[in-house]
Amino acid sequence: MIVAGVLVLVCALITAVAFCCLKPKGYTYQGKTVEEWFGEYRRQFFYPTVISSDAESAFFEMGTNALPFLTSQIKQDLEPSLLEVWAQNLPKRFTPERYRRAADAHLAEVILASMRTRGIEIPPP
């Protein structure tokens, strides 16, 4: 009985490690995925005390390789999911950031507009 429990635990641990380590990565630039660069850009955009233009320049260096992610942010459903509606009833410290999807869609539009002004050709959707 103990051996079976240990075996199940080991299998669960191996599965967890496999999911963490083997998740598919999208396009990367300087060792970070487009999603990670977007998170940094979000922090710089909404919290201007962060003084760094690394994320902004990363999007210009990635160019059209960042388009699939940016367009997915714009095209996503902006309505809150059932889980998000339920989470709004939790105490404030447990609730996720509100309006995150709309803000991310707007931020993706800002990045695309900046890319266009710098001469990167953005194909129509």
N, C-alpha and C. Protein backbone atom coordinates (compact mmCIF):
# COMPACT_ATOMS: atom_id res chain seq x y z
N MET A 1 0.82 -1.19 0.00
CA MET A 1 0.00 0.00 0.00
C MET A 1 0.87 1.26 0.00
N ILE A 2 1.92 1.28 0.81
CA ILE A 2 2.82 2.42 0.88
C ILE A 2 3.58 2.57 -0.43
N VAL A 3 3.97 1.44 -1.03
CA VAL A 3 4.70 1.48 -2.29
C VAL A 3 3.81 2.08 -3.39
N ALA A 4 2.54 1.73 -3.41
CA ALA A 4 1.61 2.27 -4.41
C ALA A 4 1.45 3.78 -4.23
N GLY A 5 1.38 4.24 -3.00
CA GLY A 5 1.26 5.67 -2.72
C GLY A 5 2.49 6.43 -3.18
N VAL A 6 3.66 5.87 -2.90
CA VAL A 6 4.91 6.50 -3.32
C VAL A 6 4.98 6.52 -4.85
N LEU A 7 4.58 5.45 -5.47
CA LEU A 7 4.60 5.37 -6.93
C LEU A 7 3.68 6.43 -7.55
N VAL A 8 2.50 6.60 -6.99
CA VAL A 8 1.56 7.62 -7.48
C VAL A 8 2.16 9.01 -7.30
N LEU A 9 2.79 9.24 -6.16
CA LEU A 9 3.41 10.53 -5.88
C LEU A 9 4.55 10.82 -6.86
N VAL A 10 5.36 9.84 -7.14
CA VAL A 10 6.47 10.00 -8.09
C VAL A 10 5.93 10.28 -9.49
N CYS A 11 4.89 9.56 -9.89
CA CYS A 11 4.28 9.80 -11.20
C CYS A 11 3.71 11.21 -11.30
N ALA A 12 3.06 11.66 -10.24
CA ALA A 12 2.50 13.01 -10.22
C ALA A 12 3.62 14.05 -10.31
N LEU A 13 4.70 13.83 -9.62
CA LEU A 13 5.83 14.75 -9.65
C LEU A 13 6.46 14.80 -11.04
N ILE A 14 6.64 13.66 -11.66
CA ILE A 14 7.21 13.61 -13.01
C ILE A 14 6.29 14.33 -14.00
N THR A 15 4.99 14.14 -13.86
CA THR A 15 4.03 14.80 -14.75
C THR A 15 4.09 16.31 -14.57
N ALA A 16 4.16 16.77 -13.33
CA ALA A 16 4.23 18.21 -13.06
C ALA A 16 5.49 18.81 -13.64
N VAL A 17 6.61 18.15 -13.49
CA VAL A 17 7.87 18.64 -14.04
C VAL A 17 7.81 18.67 -15.57
N ALA A 18 7.21 17.65 -16.15
CA ALA A 18 7.10 17.60 -17.61
C ALA A 18 6.26 18.75 -18.14
N PHE A 19 5.15 19.06 -17.47
CA PHE A 19 4.31 20.17 -17.91
C PHE A 19 5.02 21.51 -17.77
N CYS A 20 5.79 21.66 -16.72
CA CYS A 20 6.50 22.93 -16.51
C CYS A 20 7.65 23.11 -17.48
N CYS A 21 8.39 22.07 -17.71
CA CYS A 21 9.61 22.17 -18.52
C CYS A 21 9.36 22.02 -20.01
N LEU A 22 8.34 21.30 -20.37
CA LEU A 22 8.13 20.99 -21.78
C LEU A 22 7.04 21.82 -22.43
N LYS A 23 6.59 22.89 -21.77
CA LYS A 23 5.53 23.69 -22.38
C LYS A 23 6.09 24.35 -23.64
N PRO A 24 5.28 24.42 -24.68
CA PRO A 24 5.78 24.97 -25.93
C PRO A 24 6.06 26.46 -25.78
N LYS A 25 7.17 26.88 -26.36
CA LYS A 25 7.53 28.28 -26.32
C LYS A 25 7.25 28.88 -27.69
N GLY A 26 6.83 30.12 -27.65
CA GLY A 26 6.64 30.85 -28.90
C GLY A 26 7.96 31.48 -29.30
N TYR A 27 7.86 32.51 -30.07
CA TYR A 27 9.04 33.23 -30.52
C TYR A 27 9.75 33.84 -29.32
N THR A 28 11.06 33.75 -29.29
CA THR A 28 11.82 34.34 -28.19
C THR A 28 12.81 35.35 -28.73
N TYR A 29 13.10 36.33 -27.90
CA TYR A 29 14.09 37.35 -28.21
C TYR A 29 14.90 37.57 -26.94
N GLN A 30 16.18 37.42 -27.03
CA GLN A 30 17.09 37.53 -25.89
C GLN A 30 16.63 36.66 -24.72
N GLY A 31 16.17 35.46 -25.03
CA GLY A 31 15.82 34.47 -24.01
C GLY A 31 14.45 34.65 -23.39
N LYS A 32 13.66 35.61 -23.84
CA LYS A 32 12.32 35.84 -23.30
C LYS A 32 11.29 35.67 -24.40
N THR A 33 10.13 35.13 -24.03
CA THR A 33 9.05 34.96 -25.01
C THR A 33 8.38 36.31 -25.24
N VAL A 34 7.56 36.36 -26.27
CA VAL A 34 6.81 37.59 -26.57
C VAL A 34 5.90 37.94 -25.39
N GLU A 35 5.32 36.91 -24.76
CA GLU A 35 4.45 37.14 -23.61
C GLU A 35 5.22 37.79 -22.45
N GLU A 36 6.44 37.35 -22.23
CA GLU A 36 7.25 37.93 -21.15
C GLU A 36 7.61 39.39 -21.46
N TRP A 37 7.95 39.66 -22.72
CA TRP A 37 8.24 41.04 -23.12
C TRP A 37 7.00 41.91 -22.97
N PHE A 38 5.84 41.35 -23.30
CA PHE A 38 4.59 42.10 -23.17
C PHE A 38 4.32 42.44 -21.71
N GLY A 39 4.59 41.49 -20.80
CA GLY A 39 4.43 41.76 -19.37
C GLY A 39 5.35 42.88 -18.90
N GLU A 40 6.58 42.89 -19.39
CA GLU A 40 7.50 43.98 -19.04
C GLU A 40 7.03 45.31 -19.61
N TYR A 41 6.55 45.28 -20.85
CA TYR A 41 6.05 46.50 -21.47
C TYR A 41 4.85 47.03 -20.70
N ARG A 42 3.97 46.10 -20.25
CA ARG A 42 2.80 46.50 -19.46
C ARG A 42 3.23 47.21 -18.18
N ARG A 43 4.22 46.66 -17.49
CA ARG A 43 4.70 47.29 -16.26
C ARG A 43 5.27 48.68 -16.55
N GLN A 44 6.03 48.80 -17.63
CA GLN A 44 6.62 50.10 -17.99
C GLN A 44 5.54 51.11 -18.39
N PHE A 45 4.50 50.61 -19.06
CA PHE A 45 3.46 51.50 -19.57
C PHE A 45 2.56 52.00 -18.45
N PHE A 46 2.13 51.09 -17.57
CA PHE A 46 1.18 51.47 -16.52
C PHE A 46 1.85 51.94 -15.24
N TYR A 47 3.11 51.63 -15.07
CA TYR A 47 3.86 52.09 -13.90
C TYR A 47 5.11 52.81 -14.39
N PRO A 48 4.98 54.08 -14.79
CA PRO A 48 6.09 54.77 -15.44
C PRO A 48 7.32 54.99 -14.58
N THR A 49 7.28 54.62 -13.32
CA THR A 49 8.48 54.78 -12.50
C THR A 49 9.55 53.78 -12.90
N VAL A 50 9.14 52.74 -13.63
CA VAL A 50 10.11 51.77 -14.14
C VAL A 50 10.80 52.42 -15.34
N ILE A 51 12.08 52.71 -15.19
CA ILE A 51 12.80 53.41 -16.25
C ILE A 51 13.60 52.39 -17.06
N SER A 52 13.02 52.02 -18.19
CA SER A 52 13.69 51.09 -19.08
C SER A 52 12.93 51.05 -20.38
N SER A 53 13.64 51.02 -21.46
CA SER A 53 12.98 50.89 -22.76
C SER A 53 13.34 49.56 -23.41
N ASP A 54 13.81 48.64 -22.59
CA ASP A 54 14.18 47.33 -23.14
C ASP A 54 13.01 46.64 -23.81
N ALA A 55 11.84 46.66 -23.16
CA ALA A 55 10.68 45.97 -23.72
C ALA A 55 10.22 46.63 -25.01
N GLU A 56 10.21 47.94 -25.03
CA GLU A 56 9.80 48.64 -26.24
C GLU A 56 10.73 48.33 -27.40
N SER A 57 12.03 48.40 -27.16
CA SER A 57 12.97 48.10 -28.23
C SER A 57 12.92 46.63 -28.62
N ALA A 58 12.58 45.75 -27.68
CA ALA A 58 12.46 44.33 -28.00
C ALA A 58 11.35 44.09 -29.02
N PHE A 59 10.22 44.80 -28.87
CA PHE A 59 9.13 44.63 -29.84
C PHE A 59 9.54 45.12 -31.22
N PHE A 60 10.33 46.19 -31.28
CA PHE A 60 10.77 46.66 -32.59
C PHE A 60 11.78 45.71 -33.21
N GLU A 61 12.60 45.08 -32.38
CA GLU A 61 13.55 44.10 -32.89
C GLU A 61 12.84 42.82 -33.33
N MET A 62 11.80 42.43 -32.60
CA MET A 62 11.05 41.22 -32.98
C MET A 62 10.25 41.46 -34.24
N GLY A 63 9.81 42.69 -34.45
CA GLY A 63 9.07 43.04 -35.67
C GLY A 63 7.82 42.20 -35.86
N THR A 64 7.67 41.67 -37.06
CA THR A 64 6.46 40.93 -37.39
C THR A 64 6.37 39.59 -36.66
N ASN A 65 7.45 39.12 -36.05
CA ASN A 65 7.38 37.88 -35.29
C ASN A 65 6.48 38.03 -34.06
N ALA A 66 6.27 39.25 -33.60
CA ALA A 66 5.42 39.50 -32.44
C ALA A 66 3.94 39.64 -32.83
N LEU A 67 3.65 39.73 -34.12
CA LEU A 67 2.28 39.96 -34.57
C LEU A 67 1.27 38.93 -34.10
N PRO A 68 1.55 37.62 -34.18
CA PRO A 68 0.53 36.67 -33.74
C PRO A 68 0.07 36.90 -32.29
N PHE A 69 1.02 37.17 -31.41
CA PHE A 69 0.65 37.41 -30.02
C PHE A 69 -0.13 38.72 -29.88
N LEU A 70 0.37 39.79 -30.51
CA LEU A 70 -0.29 41.09 -30.37
C LEU A 70 -1.71 41.06 -30.94
N THR A 71 -1.89 40.42 -32.09
CA THR A 71 -3.24 40.35 -32.66
C THR A 71 -4.15 39.49 -31.80
N SER A 72 -3.60 38.46 -31.15
CA SER A 72 -4.44 37.64 -30.27
C SER A 72 -4.91 38.45 -29.07
N GLN A 73 -4.11 39.40 -28.62
CA GLN A 73 -4.52 40.26 -27.51
C GLN A 73 -5.65 41.19 -27.93
N ILE A 74 -5.62 41.64 -29.17
CA ILE A 74 -6.65 42.55 -29.66
C ILE A 74 -7.95 41.81 -29.95
N LYS A 75 -7.84 40.60 -30.49
CA LYS A 75 -9.03 39.86 -30.91
C LYS A 75 -9.69 39.06 -29.78
N GLN A 76 -9.10 39.02 -28.62
CA GLN A 76 -9.66 38.20 -27.54
C GLN A 76 -11.01 38.74 -27.07
N ASP A 77 -11.79 37.86 -26.50
CA ASP A 77 -13.09 38.23 -25.95
C ASP A 77 -12.88 39.07 -24.71
N LEU A 78 -13.45 40.27 -24.68
CA LEU A 78 -13.23 41.18 -23.57
C LEU A 78 -14.23 41.00 -22.43
N GLU A 79 -15.24 40.17 -22.64
CA GLU A 79 -16.22 39.91 -21.58
C GLU A 79 -15.57 39.04 -20.51
N PRO A 80 -15.87 39.32 -19.23
CA PRO A 80 -15.28 38.49 -18.17
C PRO A 80 -15.82 37.07 -18.21
N SER A 81 -14.96 36.12 -17.90
CA SER A 81 -15.38 34.72 -17.86
C SER A 81 -16.21 34.49 -16.59
N LEU A 82 -16.84 33.33 -16.50
CA LEU A 82 -17.62 33.00 -15.30
C LEU A 82 -16.73 32.98 -14.07
N LEU A 83 -15.51 32.50 -14.21
CA LEU A 83 -14.58 32.47 -13.09
C LEU A 83 -14.23 33.89 -12.65
N GLU A 84 -14.03 34.79 -13.59
CA GLU A 84 -13.72 36.18 -13.23
C GLU A 84 -14.90 36.87 -12.57
N VAL A 85 -16.11 36.58 -13.03
CA VAL A 85 -17.30 37.15 -12.40
C VAL A 85 -17.41 36.64 -10.97
N TRP A 86 -17.17 35.35 -10.78
CA TRP A 86 -17.21 34.77 -9.43
C TRP A 86 -16.11 35.37 -8.55
N ALA A 87 -14.92 35.57 -9.12
CA ALA A 87 -13.79 36.08 -8.35
C ALA A 87 -14.01 37.52 -7.89
N GLN A 88 -14.86 38.25 -8.58
CA GLN A 88 -15.14 39.63 -8.18
C GLN A 88 -15.84 39.69 -6.82
N ASN A 89 -16.44 38.58 -6.40
CA ASN A 89 -17.12 38.54 -5.11
C ASN A 89 -16.17 38.20 -3.96
N LEU A 90 -14.95 37.84 -4.27
CA LEU A 90 -13.96 37.53 -3.25
C LEU A 90 -13.42 38.81 -2.63
N PRO A 91 -12.79 38.70 -1.47
CA PRO A 91 -12.14 39.90 -0.91
C PRO A 91 -11.13 40.47 -1.91
N LYS A 92 -10.92 41.77 -1.85
CA LYS A 92 -10.12 42.49 -2.85
C LYS A 92 -8.73 41.90 -3.06
N ARG A 93 -8.09 41.43 -1.99
CA ARG A 93 -6.72 40.93 -2.14
C ARG A 93 -6.66 39.64 -2.96
N PHE A 94 -7.80 38.95 -3.12
CA PHE A 94 -7.82 37.70 -3.89
C PHE A 94 -8.32 37.89 -5.31
N THR A 95 -8.82 39.06 -5.63
CA THR A 95 -9.40 39.26 -6.95
C THR A 95 -8.31 39.57 -7.98
N PRO A 96 -8.47 39.07 -9.18
CA PRO A 96 -7.47 39.37 -10.22
C PRO A 96 -7.62 40.82 -10.65
N GLU A 97 -6.61 41.31 -11.36
CA GLU A 97 -6.69 42.67 -11.85
C GLU A 97 -7.90 42.81 -12.76
N ARG A 98 -8.69 43.81 -12.48
CA ARG A 98 -9.90 44.00 -13.28
C ARG A 98 -9.55 44.68 -14.60
N TYR A 99 -10.35 44.40 -15.57
CA TYR A 99 -10.22 45.01 -16.89
C TYR A 99 -8.85 44.74 -17.52
N ARG A 100 -8.21 43.67 -17.15
CA ARG A 100 -6.88 43.35 -17.67
C ARG A 100 -6.92 43.10 -19.17
N ARG A 101 -7.94 42.38 -19.61
CA ARG A 101 -7.99 42.05 -21.03
C ARG A 101 -8.18 43.29 -21.90
N ALA A 102 -9.04 44.19 -21.48
CA ALA A 102 -9.25 45.42 -22.25
C ALA A 102 -7.98 46.26 -22.27
N ALA A 103 -7.31 46.34 -21.13
CA ALA A 103 -6.06 47.11 -21.06
C ALA A 103 -4.99 46.46 -21.93
N ASP A 104 -4.92 45.13 -21.93
CA ASP A 104 -3.93 44.44 -22.76
C ASP A 104 -4.23 44.64 -24.25
N ALA A 105 -5.51 44.64 -24.61
CA ALA A 105 -5.88 44.87 -26.01
C ALA A 105 -5.46 46.27 -26.42
N HIS A 106 -5.72 47.24 -25.56
CA HIS A 106 -5.32 48.62 -25.86
C HIS A 106 -3.79 48.74 -25.97
N LEU A 107 -3.09 48.09 -25.07
CA LEU A 107 -1.63 48.14 -25.08
C LEU A 107 -1.06 47.50 -26.34
N ALA A 108 -1.66 46.41 -26.79
CA ALA A 108 -1.22 45.77 -28.03
C ALA A 108 -1.43 46.71 -29.21
N GLU A 109 -2.54 47.45 -29.20
CA GLU A 109 -2.79 48.43 -30.26
C GLU A 109 -1.74 49.54 -30.23
N VAL A 110 -1.36 49.97 -29.03
CA VAL A 110 -0.33 51.00 -28.89
C VAL A 110 1.00 50.52 -29.46
N ILE A 111 1.35 49.27 -29.15
CA ILE A 111 2.61 48.71 -29.66
C ILE A 111 2.58 48.63 -31.18
N LEU A 112 1.46 48.14 -31.74
CA LEU A 112 1.35 48.03 -33.19
C LEU A 112 1.42 49.41 -33.86
N ALA A 113 0.77 50.40 -33.27
CA ALA A 113 0.83 51.76 -33.82
C ALA A 113 2.26 52.29 -33.79
N SER A 114 2.97 52.03 -32.69
CA SER A 114 4.36 52.47 -32.60
C SER A 114 5.23 51.77 -33.64
N MET A 115 4.95 50.50 -33.87
CA MET A 115 5.72 49.76 -34.86
C MET A 115 5.48 50.34 -36.25
N ARG A 116 4.23 50.71 -36.53
CA ARG A 116 3.91 51.30 -37.84
C ARG A 116 4.64 52.63 -38.03
N THR A 117 4.65 53.46 -36.97
CA THR A 117 5.31 54.77 -37.10
C THR A 117 6.81 54.64 -37.28
N ARG A 118 7.36 53.52 -36.86
CA ARG A 118 8.81 53.31 -37.02
C ARG A 118 9.14 52.57 -38.32
N GLY A 119 8.13 52.39 -39.16
CA GLY A 119 8.39 51.82 -40.49
C GLY A 119 8.26 50.33 -40.60
N ILE A 120 7.80 49.64 -39.55
CA ILE A 120 7.59 48.20 -39.66
C ILE A 120 6.24 47.97 -40.33
N GLU A 121 6.24 47.23 -41.43
CA GLU A 121 5.01 46.99 -42.15
C GLU A 121 4.17 45.97 -41.41
N ILE A 122 2.95 46.38 -41.07
CA ILE A 122 2.01 45.50 -40.39
C ILE A 122 0.94 45.14 -41.41
N PRO A 123 0.84 43.86 -41.79
CA PRO A 123 -0.18 43.49 -42.77
C PRO A 123 -1.58 43.63 -42.17
N PRO A 124 -2.58 43.92 -43.02
CA PRO A 124 -3.94 44.02 -42.51
C PRO A 124 -4.42 42.67 -41.99
N PRO A 125 -5.35 42.70 -41.03
CA PRO A 125 -5.84 41.43 -40.44
C PRO A 125 -6.56 40.56 -41.43
